[in-house]
Amino acid sequence: MDSNSGADDSFKSEVRDSLVNVKDSTEQLDKIIAYVTRVIALNTSRKAEHLNPDDSFASLGVNEQTATEIRNFVANELSLFLSKGMFTEANTIRSISEYMRDALNSR
């Protein structure tokens, strides 16, 4: 067993808890938008502060390969599975974040 496995699991749990354990739904959505923005920035080499949560994924440089990387990152870190179709041109950071908020709260 990897000695870092416990630390990784603990970190993942902390990240997930920081997104789930928020009473106010607006504040929770803001935290999830910030999280998704950071993930997209990491996977597109763009600065998070330059990403608009209402821009389409296509305009943010998210292609099929990038979408797969983002989906894998979120699945690994939050145990939340996003479909390929969620990264279509019409979807945005905000729309994915709203879906994630609903999915995280339904568990």
Foldseek 3Di string as FASTA:
>chain_A
DDPCVVVLVVQLVVLLCVLQVDDDPVVSLVSQLLVLLVLLCVLQVHDSVPFDQQAALVVSVQDQVSLVVSQVVCCSSHVDGDDSVCRDRNHGSSVVSVVVNVVSNVD
